[in-house]
């Protein structure tokens, strides 16, 4: 959850799709 929030704040609306992919990667890592 924290990672997702950080990614959302760090990324822009245009990178929303990328954020989703990163969140998935983080979930897999965890």
PDB file of N, CA and C in Angstrom:
ATOM      1  N   UNK A   1       0.839  -1.203   0.000  1.00  0.00           N
ATOM      2  CA  UNK A   1       0.000   0.000   0.000  1.00  0.00           C
ATOM      3  C   UNK A   1       0.877   1.256   0.000  1.00  0.00           C
ATOM      4  N   UNK A   2       1.874   1.254   0.867  1.00  0.00           N
ATOM      5  CA  UNK A   2       2.755   2.420   0.938  1.00  0.00           C
ATOM      6  C   UNK A   2       3.467   2.614  -0.396  1.00  0.00           C
ATOM      7  N   UNK A   3       3.944   1.514  -0.977  1.00  0.00           N
ATOM      8  CA  UNK A   3       4.639   1.611  -2.250  1.00  0.00           C
ATOM      9  C   UNK A   3       3.742   2.197  -3.322  1.00  0.00           C
ATOM     10  N   UNK A   4       2.499   1.771  -3.341  1.00  0.00           N
ATOM     11  CA  UNK A   4       1.571   2.260  -4.351  1.00  0.00           C
ATOM     12  C   UNK A   4       1.385   3.772  -4.197  1.00  0.00           C
ATOM     13  N   UNK A   5       1.217   4.211  -2.959  1.00  0.00           N
ATOM     14  CA  UNK A   5       1.025   5.638  -2.715  1.00  0.00           C
ATOM     15  C   UNK A   5       2.254   6.415  -3.168  1.00  0.00           C
ATOM     16  N   UNK A   6       3.424   5.883  -2.837  1.00  0.00           N
ATOM     17  CA  UNK A   6       4.675   6.555  -3.214  1.00  0.00           C
ATOM     18  C   UNK A   6       4.787   6.654  -4.726  1.00  0.00           C
ATOM     19  N   UNK A   7       4.470   5.562  -5.403  1.00  0.00           N
ATOM     20  CA  UNK A   7       4.558   5.543  -6.866  1.00  0.00           C
ATOM     21  C   UNK A   7       3.581   6.560  -7.450  1.00  0.00           C
ATOM     22  N   UNK A   8       2.371   6.609  -6.892  1.00  0.00           N
ATOM     23  CA  UNK A   8       1.357   7.528  -7.408  1.00  0.00           C
ATOM     24  C   UNK A   8       1.830   8.971  -7.249  1.00  0.00           C
ATOM     25  N   UNK A   9       2.431   9.264  -6.112  1.00  0.00           N
ATOM     26  CA  UNK A   9       2.903  10.627  -5.870  1.00  0.00           C
ATOM     27  C   UNK A   9       4.119  10.930  -6.737  1.00  0.00           C
ATOM     28  N   UNK A  10       4.988   9.934  -6.893  1.00  0.00           N
ATOM     29  CA  UNK A  10       6.217  10.124  -7.666  1.00  0.00           C
ATOM     30  C   UNK A  10       5.909  10.216  -9.158  1.00  0.00           C
ATOM     31  N   UNK A  11       4.982   9.375  -9.634  1.00  0.00           N
ATOM     32  CA  UNK A  11       4.635   9.375 -11.050  1.00  0.00           C
ATOM     33  C   UNK A  11       3.555  10.394 -11.378  1.00  0.00           C
ATOM     34  N   UNK A  12       3.457  10.741 -12.653  1.00  0.00           N
ATOM     35  CA  UNK A  12       2.420  11.685 -13.071  1.00  0.00           C
ATOM     36  C   UNK A  12       1.199  10.926 -13.586  1.00  0.00           C
ATOM     37  N   UNK A  13       0.153  11.654 -13.906  1.00  0.00           N
ATOM     38  CA  UNK A  13      -1.054  11.009 -14.423  1.00  0.00           C
ATOM     39  C   UNK A  13      -0.730  10.237 -15.699  1.00  0.00           C
ATOM     40  N   UNK A  14       0.192  10.753 -16.480  1.00  0.00           N
ATOM     41  CA  UNK A  14       0.564  10.085 -17.728  1.00  0.00           C
ATOM     42  C   UNK A  14       1.229   8.747 -17.431  1.00  0.00           C
ATOM     43  N   UNK A  15       1.905   8.670 -16.292  1.00  0.00           N
ATOM     44  CA  UNK A  15       2.600   7.434 -15.926  1.00  0.00           C
ATOM     45  C   UNK A  15       1.712   6.536 -15.072  1.00  0.00           C
ATOM     46  N   UNK A  16       0.413   6.785 -15.108  1.00  0.00           N
ATOM     47  CA  UNK A  16      -0.498   5.976 -14.290  1.00  0.00           C
ATOM     48  C   UNK A  16      -0.360   4.503 -14.665  1.00  0.00           C
ATOM     49  N   UNK A  17      -0.290   4.227 -15.964  1.00  0.00           N
ATOM     50  CA  UNK A  17      -0.172   2.840 -16.416  1.00  0.00           C
ATOM     51  C   UNK A  17       1.129   2.235 -15.897  1.00  0.00           C
ATOM     52  N   UNK A  18       2.220   2.997 -16.009  1.00  0.00           N
ATOM     53  CA  UNK A  18       3.515   2.507 -15.523  1.00  0.00           C
ATOM     54  C   UNK A  18       3.434   2.225 -14.035  1.00  0.00           C
ATOM     55  N   UNK A  19       2.792   3.114 -13.293  1.00  0.00           N
ATOM     56  CA  UNK A  19       2.668   2.927 -11.840  1.00  0.00           C
ATOM     57  C   UNK A  19       1.989   1.600 -11.550  1.00  0.00           C
ATOM     58  N   UNK A  20       0.966   1.293 -12.336  1.00  0.00           N
ATOM     59  CA  UNK A  20       0.241   0.031 -12.124  1.00  0.00           C
ATOM     60  C   UNK A  20       1.191  -1.148 -12.334  1.00  0.00           C
ATOM     61  N   UNK A  21       1.997  -1.064 -13.357  1.00  0.00           N
ATOM     62  CA  UNK A  21       2.940  -2.152 -13.658  1.00  0.00           C
ATOM     63  C   UNK A  21       3.967  -2.262 -12.534  1.00  0.00           C
ATOM     64  N   UNK A  22       4.461  -1.127 -12.067  1.00  0.00           N
ATOM     65  CA  UNK A  22       5.454  -1.128 -10.980  1.00  0.00           C
ATOM     66  C   UNK A  22       4.831  -1.733  -9.732  1.00  0.00           C
ATOM     67  N   UNK A  23       3.590  -1.375  -9.460  1.00  0.00           N
ATOM     68  CA  UNK A  23       2.899  -1.903  -8.275  1.00  0.00           C
ATOM     69  C   UNK A  23       2.841  -3.423  -8.369  1.00  0.00           C
ATOM     70  N   UNK A  24       2.556  -3.931  -9.555  1.00  0.00           N
ATOM     71  CA  UNK A  24       2.501  -5.389  -9.748  1.00  0.00           C
ATOM     72  C   UNK A  24       3.874  -6.002  -9.469  1.00  0.00           C
ATOM     73  N   UNK A  25       4.916  -5.361  -9.954  1.00  0.00           N
ATOM     74  CA  UNK A  25       6.272  -5.875  -9.734  1.00  0.00           C
ATOM     75  C   UNK A  25       6.581  -5.887  -8.246  1.00  0.00           C
ATOM     76  N   UNK A  26       6.206  -4.819  -7.554  1.00  0.00           N
ATOM     77  CA  UNK A  26       6.454  -4.743  -6.108  1.00  0.00           C
ATOM     78  C   UNK A  26       5.696  -5.856  -5.405  1.00  0.00           C
ATOM     79  N   UNK A  27       4.473  -6.081  -5.823  1.00  0.00           N
ATOM     80  CA  UNK A  27       3.664  -7.131  -5.206  1.00  0.00           C
ATOM     81  C   UNK A  27       4.345  -8.483  -5.392  1.00  0.00           C
ATOM     82  N   UNK A  28       4.884  -8.722  -6.574  1.00  0.00           N
ATOM     83  CA  UNK A  28       5.559  -9.994  -6.843  1.00  0.00           C
ATOM     84  C   UNK A  28       6.802 -10.110  -5.969  1.00  0.00           C
ATOM     85  N   UNK A  29       7.531  -9.015  -5.837  1.00  0.00           N
ATOM     86  CA  UNK A  29       8.749  -9.014  -5.027  1.00  0.00           C
ATOM     87  C   UNK A  29       8.407  -9.347  -3.577  1.00  0.00           C
ATOM     88  N   UNK A  30       7.357  -8.755  -3.091  1.00  0.00           N
ATOM     89  CA  UNK A  30       6.930  -9.002  -1.709  1.00  0.00           C
ATOM     90  C   UNK A  30       6.260 -10.361  -1.651  1.00  0.00           C
TER      91      UNK A  30
END
